[in-house]
Amino acid sequence: QFHFVESGGGEVLPGGSLRLSCTASGFTMKDYAIGWFRRAPGKEFEGVSCITARDRFTYYVDSGKGRFTTSRDDSRNMVFLQMNRLKFEDTGVYFCAAEGSDCAGYVEWPDSFDSWGQGTRVTVSS
């Protein structure tokens, strides 16, 4: 059973940085693409980034390109999301998830998930 524990969130000023971590268990993480998603207050899940298995190709939401970097350490079953130059609109609860080995259609993964980890809250506030 897929299980994720997200951490690293917090409250930061605009322009600040955070590094989110996701620890996976219950499956062979190295065989799966891992996506990061966020849910802003009153909004639906939004795909933020994705990293494929093996080749480690990365994909980002347009608003995160140039600011976000996702990476993975399969030896520790962990995935990271480095977020720099944070903006107010980055506020939300961030979750990770896995499906398949590539990131095709990752922004639509939430449509097929009915359970998530506890997430980690990111608040960008002045």
Foldseek 3Di string as FASTA:
>chain_A
DKDKDKDWADEEAQQAKIKMKIAIDDDQLLQWKKWKWWDAVPGDIFTAKIFFHPVGDMDGDPVQPPFWDKDDDSVRRMIMIIGGSDDQVVWGFMFMDTDGGDCVPVRCVVVVDDDTYPTYTHGHDD
